[in-house]
Protein backbone atom coordinates (compact mmCIF):
# COMPACT_ATOMS: atom_id res chain seq x y z
CA MET A 1 -170.40 75.89 56.58
CA ARG A 2 -172.79 74.45 59.16
CA GLN A 3 -171.87 70.88 58.16
CA ARG A 4 -168.18 71.72 58.44
CA ALA A 5 -168.68 73.27 61.91
CA GLU A 6 -170.58 70.18 63.08
CA SER A 7 -167.86 67.84 61.80
CA ILE A 8 -165.18 69.90 63.58
CA SER A 9 -167.09 69.85 66.87
CA ALA A 10 -167.60 66.07 66.51
CA ARG A 11 -163.85 65.40 66.21
CA THR A 12 -162.44 63.39 69.07
CA GLU A 13 -159.00 64.93 69.42
CA ILE A 14 -157.03 67.40 71.50
CA THR A 15 -154.68 69.94 69.95
CA ILE A 16 -152.18 71.84 72.10
CA ARG A 17 -149.93 74.50 70.56
CA GLN A 18 -147.05 76.32 72.30
CA LEU A 19 -148.61 76.04 75.75
CA ASN A 20 -146.95 77.96 78.59
CA LYS A 21 -147.88 78.17 82.24
CA PHE A 22 -146.33 80.44 84.88
CA TYR A 23 -146.85 80.45 88.64
CA GLY A 24 -145.36 83.81 89.47
CA GLN A 25 -141.74 83.65 88.31
CA LYS A 26 -141.77 79.85 88.03
CA GLN A 27 -142.53 78.38 84.61
CA ALA A 28 -144.33 75.04 84.95
CA LEU A 29 -144.91 74.38 81.22
CA ARG A 30 -142.66 75.53 78.37
CA GLU A 31 -143.84 75.68 74.74
CA VAL A 32 -145.69 72.34 74.93
CA SER A 33 -147.30 71.21 71.66
CA LEU A 34 -149.23 67.92 71.48
CA GLN A 35 -151.79 66.14 69.30
CA ILE A 36 -153.89 63.52 71.12
CA GLY A 37 -156.40 61.27 69.37
CA LYS A 38 -158.95 58.66 70.43
CA GLY A 39 -157.75 55.78 72.62
CA MET A 40 -155.25 55.51 75.47
CA PHE A 41 -152.58 58.20 75.61
CA GLY A 42 -149.79 57.99 78.18
CA LEU A 43 -148.23 61.10 79.71
CA LEU A 44 -144.99 60.13 81.44
CA GLY A 45 -142.68 62.14 83.66
CA ARG A 46 -141.16 62.27 87.09
CA ASN A 47 -142.98 63.96 89.96
CA GLY A 48 -142.94 67.71 89.35
CA ALA A 49 -142.52 67.40 85.57
CA GLY A 50 -145.66 69.46 84.83
CA LYS A 51 -148.10 66.59 84.22
CA THR A 52 -150.70 67.64 86.80
CA THR A 53 -150.47 71.28 85.67
CA LEU A 54 -151.24 70.18 82.11
CA MET A 55 -154.14 67.99 83.27
CA LYS A 56 -155.67 70.86 85.25
CA ILE A 57 -155.41 73.22 82.28
CA LEU A 58 -157.08 70.68 79.99
CA SER A 59 -159.84 70.24 82.57
CA SER A 60 -160.37 74.05 82.79
CA LEU A 61 -159.41 73.98 86.49
CA SER A 62 -156.38 76.19 85.83
CA ALA A 63 -155.82 78.91 83.23
CA LYS A 64 -152.97 78.75 80.72
CA SER A 65 -150.55 81.65 80.52
CA SER A 66 -150.23 81.50 76.73
CA GLY A 67 -150.70 79.15 73.80
CA GLU A 68 -153.72 77.47 72.20
CA ILE A 69 -155.75 74.42 73.24
CA SER A 70 -158.69 72.89 71.38
CA ILE A 71 -160.61 69.91 72.82
CA CYS A 72 -162.91 68.15 70.33
CA GLY A 73 -163.08 71.41 68.38
CA THR A 74 -163.84 73.59 71.44
CA PRO A 75 -161.35 76.23 72.68
CA VAL A 76 -160.30 75.58 76.28
CA GLU A 77 -161.38 79.12 77.22
CA LYS A 78 -165.03 78.00 76.96
CA ALA A 79 -164.92 76.43 80.43
CA ALA A 80 -168.59 75.39 80.67
CA GLU A 81 -168.44 73.52 77.35
CA ILE A 82 -165.07 71.98 78.21
CA ARG A 83 -166.39 70.59 81.50
CA ARG A 84 -169.16 68.83 79.60
CA LEU A 85 -166.53 67.23 77.35
CA ILE A 86 -164.09 66.24 80.12
CA GLY A 87 -164.17 63.69 82.91
CA TYR A 88 -161.34 64.13 85.44
CA LEU A 89 -160.01 61.81 88.14
CA PRO A 90 -157.37 63.76 90.11
CA GLN A 91 -154.54 62.15 92.04
CA ASP A 92 -156.01 63.27 95.37
CA PHE A 93 -159.56 62.14 94.53
CA SER A 94 -161.95 62.03 97.48
CA MET A 95 -165.69 61.54 97.63
CA TYR A 96 -168.41 62.06 100.22
CA PRO A 97 -167.23 59.47 102.79
CA HIS A 98 -170.45 59.25 104.82
CA MET A 99 -172.70 58.70 101.79
CA THR A 100 -173.34 55.29 100.30
CA VAL A 101 -171.86 54.58 96.88
CA TYR A 102 -175.24 55.07 95.20
CA GLU A 103 -176.03 58.27 97.13
CA ALA A 104 -172.69 59.81 96.16
CA MET A 105 -173.15 58.94 92.50
CA ASP A 106 -176.76 60.16 92.54
CA TYR A 107 -175.73 63.48 94.10
CA LEU A 108 -173.03 63.99 91.47
CA GLY A 109 -175.57 63.11 88.78
CA VAL A 110 -177.86 65.87 90.08
CA LEU A 111 -174.94 68.33 89.95
CA SER A 112 -174.29 67.23 86.34
CA GLY A 113 -177.89 68.05 85.41
CA LEU A 114 -179.01 64.46 84.76
CA GLY A 115 -182.70 63.65 85.23
CA ARG A 116 -183.84 61.05 87.80
CA ALA A 117 -184.59 58.28 85.27
CA GLU A 118 -181.30 58.84 83.43
CA ARG A 119 -179.36 58.89 86.71
CA LYS A 120 -180.88 55.61 87.84
CA LYS A 121 -180.08 53.91 84.53
CA ARG A 122 -176.55 55.28 84.14
CA ILE A 123 -175.46 54.77 87.77
CA ALA A 124 -176.53 51.12 87.77
CA ALA A 125 -174.73 50.47 84.46
CA LEU A 126 -171.56 52.29 85.50
CA LEU A 127 -171.29 50.58 88.88
CA GLU A 128 -171.55 47.23 87.12
CA ARG A 129 -168.92 48.32 84.61
CA VAL A 130 -166.40 49.22 87.33
CA ASN A 131 -167.19 46.01 89.27
CA LEU A 132 -169.01 47.80 92.11
CA GLY A 133 -172.49 46.54 91.25
CA ASP A 134 -172.97 44.95 94.66
CA CYS A 135 -171.78 48.05 96.58
CA HIS A 136 -174.80 50.35 96.17
CA LYS A 137 -175.43 50.53 99.92
CA VAL A 138 -171.79 50.50 101.07
CA LYS A 139 -170.47 53.73 102.59
CA VAL A 140 -167.72 55.32 100.50
CA LYS A 141 -165.40 55.41 103.51
CA ALA A 142 -165.65 51.60 103.79
CA LEU A 143 -164.25 50.99 100.27
CA SER A 144 -160.68 49.84 99.69
CA GLY A 145 -158.22 52.11 97.86
CA GLY A 146 -158.73 50.28 94.57
CA MET A 147 -162.50 50.35 94.90
CA LYS A 148 -162.42 54.10 95.55
CA ARG A 149 -160.36 54.61 92.37
CA ARG A 150 -162.87 52.57 90.38
CA LEU A 151 -165.69 54.63 91.90
CA GLY A 152 -163.71 57.69 90.84
CA ILE A 153 -163.76 56.47 87.24
CA ALA A 154 -167.52 55.88 87.44
CA GLN A 155 -168.17 59.44 88.66
CA ALA A 156 -165.80 60.88 86.04
CA ILE A 157 -167.73 59.32 83.14
CA LEU A 158 -171.21 59.74 84.65
CA HIS A 159 -171.99 62.57 82.20
CA ASP A 160 -170.57 60.52 79.26
CA PRO A 161 -167.61 62.81 78.40
CA LYS A 162 -165.57 62.51 75.21
CA VAL A 163 -162.32 62.82 77.17
CA LEU A 164 -161.29 61.11 80.42
CA ILE A 165 -158.20 62.35 82.27
CA VAL A 166 -156.72 60.28 85.09
CA ASP A 167 -153.78 61.55 87.16
CA GLU A 168 -151.50 58.95 88.85
CA PRO A 169 -154.44 56.53 89.21
CA THR A 170 -152.56 53.36 90.22
CA ALA A 171 -150.13 54.76 92.78
CA GLY A 172 -150.45 52.73 95.98
CA LEU A 173 -152.59 49.96 94.49
CA ASP A 174 -151.66 46.30 94.84
CA PRO A 175 -150.64 44.46 91.61
CA GLU A 176 -154.01 42.75 91.08
CA GLU A 177 -155.97 46.00 91.52
CA ARG A 178 -153.54 47.84 89.24
CA ILE A 179 -154.12 45.33 86.44
CA ARG A 180 -157.90 45.50 86.93
CA PHE A 181 -157.80 49.30 86.84
CA ARG A 182 -155.64 49.39 83.69
CA ASN A 183 -157.98 46.96 81.92
CA LEU A 184 -160.94 49.15 82.85
CA LEU A 185 -159.26 52.22 81.36
CA CYS A 186 -158.57 50.35 78.11
CA GLU A 187 -162.23 49.36 77.83
CA ILE A 188 -163.35 52.95 78.40
CA ALA A 189 -160.87 54.21 75.78
CA GLU A 190 -162.58 52.29 72.98
CA ASP A 191 -164.93 55.19 72.28
CA ARG A 192 -163.17 58.24 73.76
CA ILE A 193 -159.81 59.81 74.59
CA VAL A 194 -158.27 58.57 77.85
CA ILE A 195 -155.16 60.40 79.08
CA LEU A 196 -153.18 58.45 81.65
CA SER A 197 -150.77 60.74 83.50
CA THR A 198 -148.20 58.81 85.55
CA HIS A 199 -144.57 58.33 86.55
CA ILE A 200 -145.05 54.53 86.54
CA VAL A 201 -143.64 53.33 83.23
CA GLY A 202 -145.22 49.88 83.52
CA ASP A 203 -148.74 51.34 83.43
CA VAL A 204 -148.04 53.11 80.15
CA GLU A 205 -146.24 50.11 78.62
CA ALA A 206 -149.25 47.88 79.39
CA THR A 207 -151.96 50.19 78.03
CA CYS A 208 -150.80 52.99 75.70
CA GLU A 209 -149.76 52.90 72.06
CA ASN A 210 -149.04 56.64 71.96
CA ILE A 211 -147.15 58.52 74.66
CA ALA A 212 -145.46 61.78 75.55
CA ILE A 213 -142.72 62.51 78.08
CA LEU A 214 -142.56 65.74 80.07
CA ASP A 215 -139.55 66.87 82.07
CA GLY A 216 -139.12 70.25 83.72
CA GLY A 217 -142.23 71.46 81.90
CA ARG A 218 -140.74 70.65 78.48
CA LEU A 219 -141.89 68.02 76.01
CA LEU A 220 -139.03 65.52 75.58
CA TYR A 221 -140.83 63.00 73.39
CA GLN A 222 -144.09 62.36 71.57
CA GLY A 223 -144.72 59.24 69.50
CA THR A 224 -145.48 55.56 69.81
CA ALA A 225 -144.27 53.44 72.71
CA LYS A 226 -142.57 51.15 70.18
CA ALA A 227 -140.63 54.00 68.57
CA LEU A 228 -139.45 55.12 72.01
CA THR A 229 -138.37 51.57 72.87
CA ASP A 230 -136.44 51.34 69.58
CA THR A 231 -134.27 54.31 70.60
CA ALA A 232 -132.58 52.03 73.16
CA ALA A 233 -131.81 49.25 70.66
CA GLY A 234 -128.16 48.15 70.82
CA LYS A 235 -127.63 49.97 74.12
CA VAL A 236 -128.99 47.55 76.74
CA TYR A 237 -126.68 44.98 78.33
CA ASN A 238 -126.84 42.41 81.11
CA LEU A 239 -123.67 41.59 83.04
CA LYS A 240 -122.78 39.76 86.21
CA VAL A 241 -120.60 41.54 88.74
CA SER A 242 -119.60 41.09 92.35
CA LYS A 243 -121.14 43.30 95.02
CA ARG A 244 -117.74 45.04 95.34
CA GLU A 245 -117.95 46.18 91.70
CA LEU A 246 -121.53 47.47 91.94
CA ASP A 247 -120.71 51.03 93.02
CA SER A 248 -118.31 51.41 90.10
CA ILE A 249 -120.96 50.18 87.65
CA LYS A 250 -123.54 52.62 89.06
CA ALA A 251 -121.08 55.49 88.74
CA SER A 252 -120.29 54.67 85.09
CA TYR A 253 -123.63 53.59 83.60
CA ILE A 254 -127.39 54.08 83.83
CA VAL A 255 -128.67 51.02 85.69
CA THR A 256 -132.24 49.95 84.82
CA GLY A 257 -132.38 46.69 86.78
CA MET A 258 -130.55 44.56 89.35
CA LEU A 259 -130.95 41.01 90.66
CA THR A 260 -128.82 39.90 93.60
CA LEU A 261 -128.03 36.19 94.11
CA GLY A 262 -125.59 35.63 96.94
CA ASP A 263 -122.42 37.61 96.32
CA GLU A 264 -123.20 38.06 92.62
CA VAL A 265 -125.37 40.75 91.05
CA THR A 266 -126.92 40.61 87.57
CA VAL A 267 -127.08 44.20 86.37
CA ARG A 268 -129.03 45.65 83.42
CA ILE A 269 -127.31 48.77 82.11
CA LEU A 270 -127.42 51.29 79.27
CA ALA A 271 -124.18 51.72 77.33
CA ASP A 272 -123.24 53.04 73.89
CA GLU A 273 -120.90 50.08 73.34
CA LYS A 274 -120.20 46.70 74.93
CA PRO A 275 -118.81 47.56 78.38
CA CYS A 276 -116.87 44.31 79.03
CA PRO A 277 -116.36 40.84 77.49
CA ASN A 278 -119.03 39.11 79.63
CA ALA A 279 -121.76 41.71 78.87
CA VAL A 280 -124.72 40.32 76.91
CA LEU A 281 -126.73 42.55 74.54
CA CYS A 282 -130.48 42.52 75.40
CA GLU A 283 -133.73 43.50 73.75
CA PRO A 284 -134.75 46.93 75.11
CA ASN A 285 -138.03 47.64 76.84
CA ILE A 286 -139.84 50.94 77.31
CA GLU A 287 -138.34 51.42 80.77
CA ASP A 288 -134.83 51.24 79.31
CA ALA A 289 -135.75 53.80 76.65
CA TYR A 290 -137.42 56.08 79.17
CA MET A 291 -134.36 56.05 81.43
CA LEU A 292 -132.15 56.75 78.41
CA LYS A 293 -134.34 59.70 77.42
CA MET A 294 -134.34 61.03 80.99
CA GLY A 295 -130.61 60.60 81.44
CA GLY A 296 -131.06 58.05 84.23
CA SER A 297 -132.28 60.50 86.86
CA SER A 298 -135.98 59.65 87.06
CA ASN A 299 -137.77 57.47 89.58
CA VAL A 300 -139.05 54.45 87.68
CA HIS A 301 -141.30 51.60 88.91
């Protein structure tokens, strides 16, 4: 029995069953059931879909209304144990602006109960890992947006959690910093669960094999990114139209891309059958499939 209990607690997985969350009369999550294993897991959905609510419940920062959640074998109700298992980088992350990078990390290490020698060793290694090794003495307020996000990752894994949750981490970053940040998350996910919550489809496509889609607090999809992409097979077309015809196309089809050259527009659309003789069938991508699943009403980047 003891061996079995130890093996259960050592499992690196999250199980969510029939999760509901109410804020007064408003229901933010509706019967959500998910299984999340080691590696990168993408949680997609428009703003207001319930992603942040779910992240806060998993991090023990908000209480569920009903349902069951187990994180690495530990019930989510055991908040103290859960916080040892979880590292969390919220969307509105901020850190002691007037401290240096090292001082801020050291202070958070003290709060996490790490001894002085362990703090010194781990902080140095983590700052190197997030490419901030030469910023020990730089004030936090002097860091760029991307550097602050990378510092946020370092503080979130300072206590070596089994699960890292990041909420909209690349919003507002330039393309180079976004790629650097995504690569960092993939490296970290080699030995733990990393949940990437975002409305930016490209971030999930570049990093996550397994994904889920939330909309209006409901789970619309859970599976591999490839299986989601396959749902749009045979339904993606490119066609060239004049600018005069564009409004008609938008009214009739879900448009997933446009390229304007002079008076001509190349439009990428979703359609159940070939819409006109000059339409060319295309290979789908995850953005096409996501828009198809969402009915074309989400904000996609």
